[in-house]
């Protein structure tokens, strides 16, 4: 009887971003604007594996790997998590009264 090999695991999530919010990140030449930060769902050690547009969800999906994520079998789809974009640009904040 042949022994089954264990299924390899990976520590990944699929991060979902609104396409309009995603494009606001970039300036001419696709340089990321200063003052923008992904604040939810993106650990500091995250590595981008792939990125694609998902028409059914109207979202940009990014597969990201991090040691902070729970290991899942490579045969399983990564869990999806929404990513919020924080604007740290004073030009967009309201003056305090």
PDB file of N, CA and C in Angstrom:
ATOM      1  N   UNK A   1       0.841  -1.181   0.000  1.00  0.00           N
ATOM      2  CA  UNK A   1       0.000   0.000   0.000  1.00  0.00           C
ATOM      3  C   UNK A   1       0.888   1.247   0.000  1.00  0.00           C
ATOM      4  N   UNK A   2       0.559   2.167  -0.886  1.00  0.00           N
ATOM      5  CA  UNK A   2       1.349   3.394  -1.031  1.00  0.00           C
ATOM      6  C   UNK A   2       1.003   4.375   0.088  1.00  0.00           C
ATOM      7  N   UNK A   3       2.041   4.958   0.692  1.00  0.00           N
ATOM      8  CA  UNK A   3       1.846   5.913   1.779  1.00  0.00           C
ATOM      9  C   UNK A   3       1.537   7.293   1.209  1.00  0.00           C
ATOM     10  N   UNK A   4       0.498   7.959   1.762  1.00  0.00           N
ATOM     11  CA  UNK A   4       0.127   9.286   1.288  1.00  0.00           C
ATOM     12  C   UNK A   4       1.121  10.320   1.796  1.00  0.00           C
ATOM     13  N   UNK A   5       1.519  11.212   0.893  1.00  0.00           N
ATOM     14  CA  UNK A   5       2.405  12.309   1.260  1.00  0.00           C
ATOM     15  C   UNK A   5       1.569  13.412   1.914  1.00  0.00           C
ATOM     16  N   UNK A   6       2.112  14.056   2.934  1.00  0.00           N
ATOM     17  CA  UNK A   6       1.360  15.162   3.537  1.00  0.00           C
ATOM     18  C   UNK A   6       1.218  16.319   2.545  1.00  0.00           C
ATOM     19  N   UNK A   7       0.104  17.024   2.632  1.00  0.00           N
ATOM     20  CA  UNK A   7      -0.140  18.171   1.750  1.00  0.00           C
ATOM     21  C   UNK A   7       0.657  19.360   2.277  1.00  0.00           C
ATOM     22  N   UNK A   8       1.403  20.000   1.381  1.00  0.00           N
ATOM     23  CA  UNK A   8       2.185  21.170   1.773  1.00  0.00           C
ATOM     24  C   UNK A   8       1.253  22.298   2.169  1.00  0.00           C
ATOM     25  N   UNK A   9       1.728  23.147   3.079  1.00  0.00           N
ATOM     26  CA  UNK A   9       0.936  24.289   3.509  1.00  0.00           C
ATOM     27  C   UNK A   9       1.639  25.585   3.129  1.00  0.00           C
ATOM     28  N   UNK A  10       0.882  26.682   3.211  1.00  0.00           N
ATOM     29  CA  UNK A  10       1.435  28.018   2.974  1.00  0.00           C
ATOM     30  C   UNK A  10       0.688  28.998   3.862  1.00  0.00           C
ATOM     31  N   UNK A  11       1.313  30.117   4.153  1.00  0.00           N
ATOM     32  CA  UNK A  11       0.720  31.131   5.020  1.00  0.00           C
ATOM     33  C   UNK A  11       0.352  32.332   4.158  1.00  0.00           C
ATOM     34  N   UNK A  12      -0.842  32.276   3.564  1.00  0.00           N
ATOM     35  CA  UNK A  12      -1.266  33.296   2.610  1.00  0.00           C
ATOM     36  C   UNK A  12      -2.695  33.750   2.883  1.00  0.00           C
ATOM     37  N   UNK A  13      -2.998  34.945   2.395  1.00  0.00           N
ATOM     38  CA  UNK A  13      -4.353  35.478   2.371  1.00  0.00           C
ATOM     39  C   UNK A  13      -4.546  36.167   1.034  1.00  0.00           C
ATOM     40  N   UNK A  14      -5.809  36.290   0.639  1.00  0.00           N
ATOM     41  CA  UNK A  14      -6.157  37.046  -0.547  1.00  0.00           C
ATOM     42  C   UNK A  14      -6.735  38.371  -0.067  1.00  0.00           C
ATOM     43  N   UNK A  15      -6.020  39.453  -0.317  1.00  0.00           N
ATOM     44  CA  UNK A  15      -6.458  40.764   0.128  1.00  0.00           C
ATOM     45  C   UNK A  15      -7.260  41.432  -0.973  1.00  0.00           C
ATOM     46  N   UNK A  16      -8.403  41.998  -0.624  1.00  0.00           N
ATOM     47  CA  UNK A  16      -9.315  42.588  -1.589  1.00  0.00           C
ATOM     48  C   UNK A  16      -9.331  44.109  -1.411  1.00  0.00           C
ATOM     49  N   UNK A  17      -9.123  44.832  -2.520  1.00  0.00           N
ATOM     50  CA  UNK A  17      -9.081  46.292  -2.501  1.00  0.00           C
ATOM     51  C   UNK A  17     -10.034  46.828  -3.560  1.00  0.00           C
ATOM     52  N   UNK A  18     -10.734  47.890  -3.233  1.00  0.00           N
ATOM     53  CA  UNK A  18     -11.579  48.573  -4.202  1.00  0.00           C
ATOM     54  C   UNK A  18     -10.680  49.125  -5.313  1.00  0.00           C
ATOM     55  N   UNK A  19     -10.980  48.869  -6.601  1.00  0.00           N
ATOM     56  CA  UNK A  19     -10.118  49.333  -7.697  1.00  0.00           C
ATOM     57  C   UNK A  19      -9.895  50.849  -7.711  1.00  0.00           C
ATOM     58  N   UNK A  20     -10.920  51.629  -7.389  1.00  0.00           N
ATOM     59  CA  UNK A  20     -10.772  53.086  -7.366  1.00  0.00           C
ATOM     60  C   UNK A  20      -9.788  53.497  -6.279  1.00  0.00           C
ATOM     61  N   UNK A  21      -9.928  52.919  -5.084  1.00  0.00           N
ATOM     62  CA  UNK A  21      -8.990  53.210  -3.998  1.00  0.00           C
ATOM     63  C   UNK A  21      -7.571  52.788  -4.370  1.00  0.00           C
ATOM     64  N   UNK A  22      -7.465  51.648  -5.040  1.00  0.00           N
ATOM     65  CA  UNK A  22      -6.151  51.128  -5.435  1.00  0.00           C
ATOM     66  C   UNK A  22      -5.459  52.088  -6.405  1.00  0.00           C
ATOM     67  N   UNK A  23      -6.182  52.592  -7.397  1.00  0.00           N
ATOM     68  CA  UNK A  23      -5.565  53.469  -8.396  1.00  0.00           C
ATOM     69  C   UNK A  23      -5.201  54.831  -7.813  1.00  0.00           C
ATOM     70  N   UNK A  24      -5.888  55.258  -6.750  1.00  0.00           N
ATOM     71  CA  UNK A  24      -5.545  56.521  -6.093  1.00  0.00           C
ATOM     72  C   UNK A  24      -4.141  56.460  -5.497  1.00  0.00           C
ATOM     73  N   UNK A  25      -3.656  55.260  -5.221  1.00  0.00           N
ATOM     74  CA  UNK A  25      -2.316  55.100  -4.633  1.00  0.00           C
ATOM     75  C   UNK A  25      -1.201  55.578  -5.564  1.00  0.00           C
ATOM     76  N   UNK A  26      -1.459  55.570  -6.864  1.00  0.00           N
ATOM     77  CA  UNK A  26      -0.388  55.780  -7.822  1.00  0.00           C
ATOM     78  C   UNK A  26      -0.393  57.176  -8.437  1.00  0.00           C
ATOM     79  N   UNK A  27       0.815  57.639  -8.756  1.00  0.00           N
ATOM     80  CA  UNK A  27       0.992  58.888  -9.480  1.00  0.00           C
ATOM     81  C   UNK A  27       1.426  58.532 -10.896  1.00  0.00           C
ATOM     82  N   UNK A  28       1.723  59.517 -11.688  1.00  0.00           N
ATOM     83  CA  UNK A  28       2.209  59.285 -13.046  1.00  0.00           C
ATOM     84  C   UNK A  28       3.419  58.356 -13.002  1.00  0.00           C
ATOM     85  N   UNK A  29       3.470  57.395 -13.888  1.00  0.00           N
ATOM     86  CA  UNK A  29       4.572  56.436 -13.920  1.00  0.00           C
ATOM     87  C   UNK A  29       4.395  55.298 -12.939  1.00  0.00           C
ATOM     88  N   UNK A  30       3.196  55.184 -12.353  1.00  0.00           N
ATOM     89  CA  UNK A  30       2.862  54.144 -11.385  1.00  0.00           C
ATOM     90  C   UNK A  30       3.777  54.141 -10.161  1.00  0.00           C
ATOM     91  N   UNK A  31       4.219  55.310  -9.750  1.00  0.00           N
ATOM     92  CA  UNK A  31       4.953  55.429  -8.484  1.00  0.00           C
ATOM     93  C   UNK A  31       3.917  55.584  -7.381  1.00  0.00           C
ATOM     94  N   UNK A  32       4.128  54.904  -6.267  1.00  0.00           N
ATOM     95  CA  UNK A  32       3.186  55.007  -5.160  1.00  0.00           C
ATOM     96  C   UNK A  32       3.313  56.377  -4.521  1.00  0.00           C
ATOM     97  N   UNK A  33       2.174  57.044  -4.339  1.00  0.00           N
ATOM     98  CA  UNK A  33       2.161  58.366  -3.731  1.00  0.00           C
ATOM     99  C   UNK A  33       2.614  58.274  -2.278  1.00  0.00           C
ATOM    100  N   UNK A  34       3.300  59.297  -1.807  1.00  0.00           N
ATOM    101  CA  UNK A  34       3.661  59.320  -0.396  1.00  0.00           C
ATOM    102  C   UNK A  34       2.416  59.676   0.406  1.00  0.00           C
ATOM    103  N   UNK A  35       2.387  59.257   1.643  1.00  0.00           N
ATOM    104  CA  UNK A  35       1.256  59.570   2.507  1.00  0.00           C
ATOM    105  C   UNK A  35       0.146  58.546   2.477  1.00  0.00           C
ATOM    106  N   UNK A  36       0.320  57.435   1.780  1.00  0.00           N
ATOM    107  CA  UNK A  36      -0.688  56.386   1.723  1.00  0.00           C
ATOM    108  C   UNK A  36      -0.153  55.150   2.425  1.00  0.00           C
ATOM    109  N   UNK A  37      -1.045  54.458   3.111  1.00  0.00           N
ATOM    110  CA  UNK A  37      -0.611  53.281   3.856  1.00  0.00           C
ATOM    111  C   UNK A  37      -1.750  52.267   3.874  1.00  0.00           C
ATOM    112  N   UNK A  38      -1.434  51.008   3.597  1.00  0.00           N
ATOM    113  CA  UNK A  38      -2.424  49.949   3.772  1.00  0.00           C
ATOM    114  C   UNK A  38      -2.436  49.632   5.253  1.00  0.00           C
ATOM    115  N   UNK A  39      -3.586  49.754   5.894  1.00  0.00           N
ATOM    116  CA  UNK A  39      -3.604  49.659   7.346  1.00  0.00           C
ATOM    117  C   UNK A  39      -4.293  48.420   7.899  1.00  0.00           C
ATOM    118  N   UNK A  40      -5.003  47.644   7.086  1.00  0.00           N
ATOM    119  CA  UNK A  40      -5.691  46.471   7.588  1.00  0.00           C
ATOM    120  C   UNK A  40      -5.326  45.262   6.739  1.00  0.00           C
ATOM    121  N   UNK A  41      -4.913  44.210   7.391  1.00  0.00           N
ATOM    122  CA  UNK A  41      -4.679  42.964   6.681  1.00  0.00           C
ATOM    123  C   UNK A  41      -3.320  42.833   6.025  1.00  0.00           C
ATOM    124  N   UNK A  42      -2.395  43.731   6.323  1.00  0.00           N
ATOM    125  CA  UNK A  42      -1.089  43.665   5.675  1.00  0.00           C
ATOM    126  C   UNK A  42       0.029  43.743   6.720  1.00  0.00           C
ATOM    127  N   UNK A  43       0.508  42.585   7.186  1.00  0.00           N
ATOM    128  CA  UNK A  43       1.601  42.577   8.159  1.00  0.00           C
ATOM    129  C   UNK A  43       2.884  43.159   7.564  1.00  0.00           C
ATOM    130  N   UNK A  44       3.787  43.577   8.424  1.00  0.00           N
ATOM    131  CA  UNK A  44       5.018  44.224   7.963  1.00  0.00           C
ATOM    132  C   UNK A  44       5.923  43.279   7.167  1.00  0.00           C
ATOM    133  N   UNK A  45       5.803  41.961   7.370  1.00  0.00           N
ATOM    134  CA  UNK A  45       6.654  41.016   6.628  1.00  0.00           C
ATOM    135  C   UNK A  45       5.989  40.488   5.356  1.00  0.00           C
ATOM    136  N   UNK A  46       4.837  41.066   4.980  1.00  0.00           N
ATOM    137  CA  UNK A  46       4.061  40.566   3.835  1.00  0.00           C
ATOM    138  C   UNK A  46       4.845  40.635   2.527  1.00  0.00           C
ATOM    139  N   UNK A  47       4.701  39.579   1.730  1.00  0.00           N
ATOM    140  CA  UNK A  47       5.308  39.494   0.407  1.00  0.00           C
ATOM    141  C   UNK A  47       4.196  39.260  -0.612  1.00  0.00           C
ATOM    142  N   UNK A  48       4.148  40.098  -1.639  1.00  0.00           N
ATOM    143  CA  UNK A  48       3.141  39.963  -2.685  1.00  0.00           C
ATOM    144  C   UNK A  48       3.511  38.807  -3.605  1.00  0.00           C
ATOM    145  N   UNK A  49       2.599  37.840  -3.773  1.00  0.00           N
ATOM    146  CA  UNK A  49       2.841  36.696  -4.655  1.00  0.00           C
ATOM    147  C   UNK A  49       2.219  36.911  -6.025  1.00  0.00           C
ATOM    148  N   UNK A  50       0.997  37.459  -6.065  1.00  0.00           N
ATOM    149  CA  UNK A  50       0.325  37.717  -7.331  1.00  0.00           C
ATOM    150  C   UNK A  50      -0.781  38.749  -7.116  1.00  0.00           C
ATOM    151  N   UNK A  51      -1.205  39.356  -8.212  1.00  0.00           N
ATOM    152  CA  UNK A  51      -2.270  40.361  -8.154  1.00  0.00           C
ATOM    153  C   UNK A  51      -3.140  40.200  -9.400  1.00  0.00           C
ATOM    154  N   UNK A  52      -4.457  40.374  -9.242  1.00  0.00           N
ATOM    155  CA  UNK A  52      -5.375  40.228 -10.371  1.00  0.00           C
ATOM    156  C   UNK A  52      -6.656  41.003 -10.096  1.00  0.00           C
ATOM    157  N   UNK A  53      -7.347  41.365 -11.169  1.00  0.00           N
ATOM    158  CA  UNK A  53      -8.657  41.995 -11.051  1.00  0.00           C
ATOM    159  C   UNK A  53      -9.716  40.906 -11.051  1.00  0.00           C
ATOM    160  N   UNK A  54     -10.662  40.990 -10.129  1.00  0.00           N
ATOM    161  CA  UNK A  54     -11.750  40.023 -10.028  1.00  0.00           C
ATOM    162  C   UNK A  54     -13.063  40.726 -10.398  1.00  0.00           C
ATOM    163  N   UNK A  55     -13.544  40.540 -11.656  1.00  0.00           N
ATOM    164  CA  UNK A  55     -14.748  41.251 -12.099  1.00  0.00           C
ATOM    165  C   UNK A  55     -15.999  40.911 -11.291  1.00  0.00           C
ATOM    166  N   UNK A  56     -16.141  39.686 -10.832  1.00  0.00           N
ATOM    167  CA  UNK A  56     -17.341  39.303 -10.079  1.00  0.00           C
ATOM    168  C   UNK A  56     -17.468  40.095  -8.779  1.00  0.00           C
ATOM    169  N   UNK A  57     -16.347  40.438  -8.184  1.00  0.00           N
ATOM    170  CA  UNK A  57     -16.352  41.214  -6.935  1.00  0.00           C
ATOM    171  C   UNK A  57     -16.033  42.683  -7.173  1.00  0.00           C
ATOM    172  N   UNK A  58     -15.674  43.034  -8.407  1.00  0.00           N
ATOM    173  CA  UNK A  58     -15.196  44.375  -8.747  1.00  0.00           C
ATOM    174  C   UNK A  58     -14.113  44.790  -7.751  1.00  0.00           C
ATOM    175  N   UNK A  59     -13.075  43.964  -7.669  1.00  0.00           N
ATOM    176  CA  UNK A  59     -12.016  44.198  -6.689  1.00  0.00           C
ATOM    177  C   UNK A  59     -10.663  43.782  -7.249  1.00  0.00           C
ATOM    178  N   UNK A  60      -9.630  44.423  -6.729  1.00  0.00           N
ATOM    179  CA  UNK A  60      -8.259  43.993  -6.974  1.00  0.00           C
ATOM    180  C   UNK A  60      -7.951  42.963  -5.893  1.00  0.00           C
ATOM    181  N   UNK A  61      -7.520  41.779  -6.290  1.00  0.00           N
ATOM    182  CA  UNK A  61      -7.168  40.731  -5.330  1.00  0.00           C
ATOM    183  C   UNK A  61      -5.654  40.530  -5.350  1.00  0.00           C
ATOM    184  N   UNK A  62      -5.069  40.552  -4.168  1.00  0.00           N
ATOM    185  CA  UNK A  62      -3.624  40.363  -4.028  1.00  0.00           C
ATOM    186  C   UNK A  62      -3.392  39.151  -3.130  1.00  0.00           C
ATOM    187  N   UNK A  63      -2.646  38.168  -3.621  1.00  0.00           N
ATOM    188  CA  UNK A  63      -2.280  37.036  -2.782  1.00  0.00           C
ATOM    189  C   UNK A  63      -0.972  37.405  -2.100  1.00  0.00           C
ATOM    190  N   UNK A  64      -1.015  37.412  -0.768  1.00  0.00           N
ATOM    191  CA  UNK A  64       0.100  37.878   0.046  1.00  0.00           C
ATOM    192  C   UNK A  64       0.494  36.793   1.040  1.00  0.00           C
ATOM    193  N   UNK A  65       1.799  36.627   1.228  1.00  0.00           N
ATOM    194  CA  UNK A  65       2.321  35.637   2.161  1.00  0.00           C
ATOM    195  C   UNK A  65       2.906  36.347   3.377  1.00  0.00           C
ATOM    196  N   UNK A  66       2.666  35.789   4.563  1.00  0.00           N
ATOM    197  CA  UNK A  66       3.195  36.361   5.797  1.00  0.00           C
ATOM    198  C   UNK A  66       3.304  35.275   6.863  1.00  0.00           C
ATOM    199  N   UNK A  67       4.323  35.356   7.698  1.00  0.00           N
ATOM    200  CA  UNK A  67       4.471  34.418   8.813  1.00  0.00           C
ATOM    201  C   UNK A  67       3.366  34.606   9.846  1.00  0.00           C
ATOM    202  N   UNK A  68       2.680  35.745   9.812  1.00  0.00           N
ATOM    203  CA  UNK A  68       1.596  36.014  10.756  1.00  0.00           C
ATOM    204  C   UNK A  68       0.302  35.288  10.391  1.00  0.00           C
ATOM    205  N   UNK A  69       0.166  34.834   9.143  1.00  0.00           N
ATOM    206  CA  UNK A  69      -1.056  34.166   8.705  1.00  0.00           C
ATOM    207  C   UNK A  69      -1.049  32.704   9.123  1.00  0.00           C
ATOM    208  N   UNK A  70      -2.232  32.159   9.344  1.00  0.00           N
ATOM    209  CA  UNK A  70      -2.390  30.744   9.663  1.00  0.00           C
ATOM    210  C   UNK A  70      -2.055  29.909   8.433  1.00  0.00           C
ATOM    211  N   UNK A  71      -1.311  28.828   8.625  1.00  0.00           N
ATOM    212  CA  UNK A  71      -0.950  27.939   7.518  1.00  0.00           C
ATOM    213  C   UNK A  71      -2.193  27.210   7.019  1.00  0.00           C
ATOM    214  N   UNK A  72      -2.329  27.159   5.686  1.00  0.00           N
ATOM    215  CA  UNK A  72      -3.432  26.434   5.057  1.00  0.00           C
ATOM    216  C   UNK A  72      -2.844  25.502   3.998  1.00  0.00           C
ATOM    217  N   UNK A  73      -3.548  24.423   3.647  1.00  0.00           N
ATOM    218  CA  UNK A  73      -3.055  23.540   2.598  1.00  0.00           C
ATOM    219  C   UNK A  73      -2.934  24.279   1.262  1.00  0.00           C
ATOM    220  N   UNK A  74      -1.910  23.953   0.484  1.00  0.00           N
ATOM    221  CA  UNK A  74      -1.724  24.599  -0.821  1.00  0.00           C
ATOM    222  C   UNK A  74      -2.885  24.320  -1.757  1.00  0.00           C
ATOM    223  N   UNK A  75      -3.641  23.275  -1.485  1.00  0.00           N
ATOM    224  CA  UNK A  75      -4.789  22.917  -2.323  1.00  0.00           C
ATOM    225  C   UNK A  75      -6.028  23.739  -1.982  1.00  0.00           C
ATOM    226  N   UNK A  76      -5.976  24.517  -0.915  1.00  0.00           N
ATOM    227  CA  UNK A  76      -7.120  25.317  -0.455  1.00  0.00           C
ATOM    228  C   UNK A  76      -6.962  26.765  -0.892  1.00  0.00           C
ATOM    229  N   UNK A  77      -8.083  27.401  -1.283  1.00  0.00           N
ATOM    230  CA  UNK A  77      -8.075  28.814  -1.634  1.00  0.00           C
ATOM    231  C   UNK A  77      -7.782  29.640  -0.392  1.00  0.00           C
ATOM    232  N   UNK A  78      -6.938  30.675  -0.506  1.00  0.00           N
ATOM    233  CA  UNK A  78      -6.654  31.516   0.664  1.00  0.00           C
ATOM    234  C   UNK A  78      -7.899  32.261   1.131  1.00  0.00           C
ATOM    235  N   UNK A  79      -7.991  32.520   2.440  1.00  0.00           N
ATOM    236  CA  UNK A  79      -9.109  33.325   2.926  1.00  0.00           C
ATOM    237  C   UNK A  79      -9.026  34.746   2.372  1.00  0.00           C
ATOM    238  N   UNK A  80     -10.181  35.372   2.181  1.00  0.00           N
ATOM    239  CA  UNK A  80     -10.232  36.727   1.622  1.00  0.00           C
ATOM    240  C   UNK A  80     -10.442  37.727   2.755  1.00  0.00           C
ATOM    241  N   UNK A  81      -9.678  38.820   2.704  1.00  0.00           N
ATOM    242  CA  UNK A  81      -9.803  39.876   3.701  1.00  0.00           C
ATOM    243  C   UNK A  81      -9.772  41.229   3.001  1.00  0.00           C
ATOM    244  N   UNK A  82     -10.706  42.113   3.363  1.00  0.00           N
ATOM    245  CA  UNK A  82     -10.732  43.452   2.786  1.00  0.00           C
ATOM    246  C   UNK A  82      -9.583  44.281   3.344  1.00  0.00           C
ATOM    247  N   UNK A  83      -8.999  45.128   2.497  1.00  0.00           N
ATOM    248  CA  UNK A  83      -7.893  45.989   2.895  1.00  0.00           C
ATOM    249  C   UNK A  83      -8.347  47.436   2.791  1.00  0.00           C
ATOM    250  N   UNK A  84      -8.142  48.185   3.838  1.00  0.00           N
ATOM    251  CA  UNK A  84      -8.492  49.602   3.840  1.00  0.00           C
ATOM    252  C   UNK A  84      -7.244  50.423   3.549  1.00  0.00           C
ATOM    253  N   UNK A  85      -7.429  51.518   2.849  1.00  0.00           N
ATOM    254  CA  UNK A  85      -6.321  52.403   2.510  1.00  0.00           C
ATOM    255  C   UNK A  85      -6.470  53.685   3.310  1.00  0.00           C
ATOM    256  N   UNK A  86      -5.421  54.048   4.033  1.00  0.00           N
ATOM    257  CA  UNK A  86      -5.428  55.260   4.841  1.00  0.00           C
ATOM    258  C   UNK A  86      -4.706  56.359   4.094  1.00  0.00           C
ATOM    259  N   UNK A  87      -5.326  57.530   4.035  1.00  0.00           N
ATOM    260  CA  UNK A  87      -4.692  58.670   3.374  1.00  0.00           C
ATOM    261  C   UNK A  87      -4.073  59.551   4.450  1.00  0.00           C
ATOM    262  N   UNK A  88      -2.748  59.680   4.430  1.00  0.00           N
ATOM    263  CA  UNK A  88      -2.030  60.504   5.398  1.00  0.00           C
ATOM    264  C   UNK A  88      -1.576  61.805   4.765  1.00  0.00           C
ATOM    265  N   UNK A  89      -2.352  62.315   3.845  1.00  0.00           N
ATOM    266  CA  UNK A  89      -1.981  63.532   3.135  1.00  0.00           C
ATOM    267  C   UNK A  89      -2.779  64.687   3.725  1.00  0.00           C
ATOM    268  N   UNK A  90      -2.113  65.672   4.282  1.00  0.00           N
ATOM    269  CA  UNK A  90      -2.775  66.800   4.941  1.00  0.00           C
ATOM    270  C   UNK A  90      -3.679  67.587   3.986  1.00  0.00           C
ATOM    271  N   UNK A  91      -3.420  67.497   2.688  1.00  0.00           N
ATOM    272  CA  UNK A  91      -4.266  68.207   1.718  1.00  0.00           C
ATOM    273  C   UNK A  91      -5.691  67.669   1.728  1.00  0.00           C
ATOM    274  N   UNK A  92      -5.878  66.403   2.197  1.00  0.00           N
ATOM    275  CA  UNK A  92      -7.203  65.795   2.177  1.00  0.00           C
ATOM    276  C   UNK A  92      -7.889  65.828   3.536  1.00  0.00           C
ATOM    277  N   UNK A  93      -7.252  66.370   4.577  1.00  0.00           N
ATOM    278  CA  UNK A  93      -7.880  66.400   5.887  1.00  0.00           C
ATOM    279  C   UNK A  93      -8.533  67.754   6.132  1.00  0.00           C
ATOM    280  N   UNK A  94      -9.611  67.707   6.891  1.00  0.00           N
ATOM    281  CA  UNK A  94     -10.332  68.931   7.208  1.00  0.00           C
ATOM    282  C   UNK A  94      -9.576  69.687   8.298  1.00  0.00           C
ATOM    283  N   UNK A  95      -9.561  71.011   8.215  1.00  0.00           N
ATOM    284  CA  UNK A  95      -8.907  71.776   9.272  1.00  0.00           C
ATOM    285  C   UNK A  95      -9.646  71.623  10.593  1.00  0.00           C
ATOM    286  N   UNK A  96      -8.877  71.532  11.687  1.00  0.00           N
ATOM    287  CA  UNK A  96      -9.485  71.416  13.022  1.00  0.00           C
ATOM    288  C   UNK A  96      -9.972  72.768  13.473  1.00  0.00           C
ATOM    289  N   UNK A  97     -11.118  72.778  14.172  1.00  0.00           N
ATOM    290  CA  UNK A  97     -11.695  74.031  14.666  1.00  0.00           C
ATOM    291  C   UNK A  97     -11.210  74.320  16.056  1.00  0.00           C
TER     292      UNK A  97
END
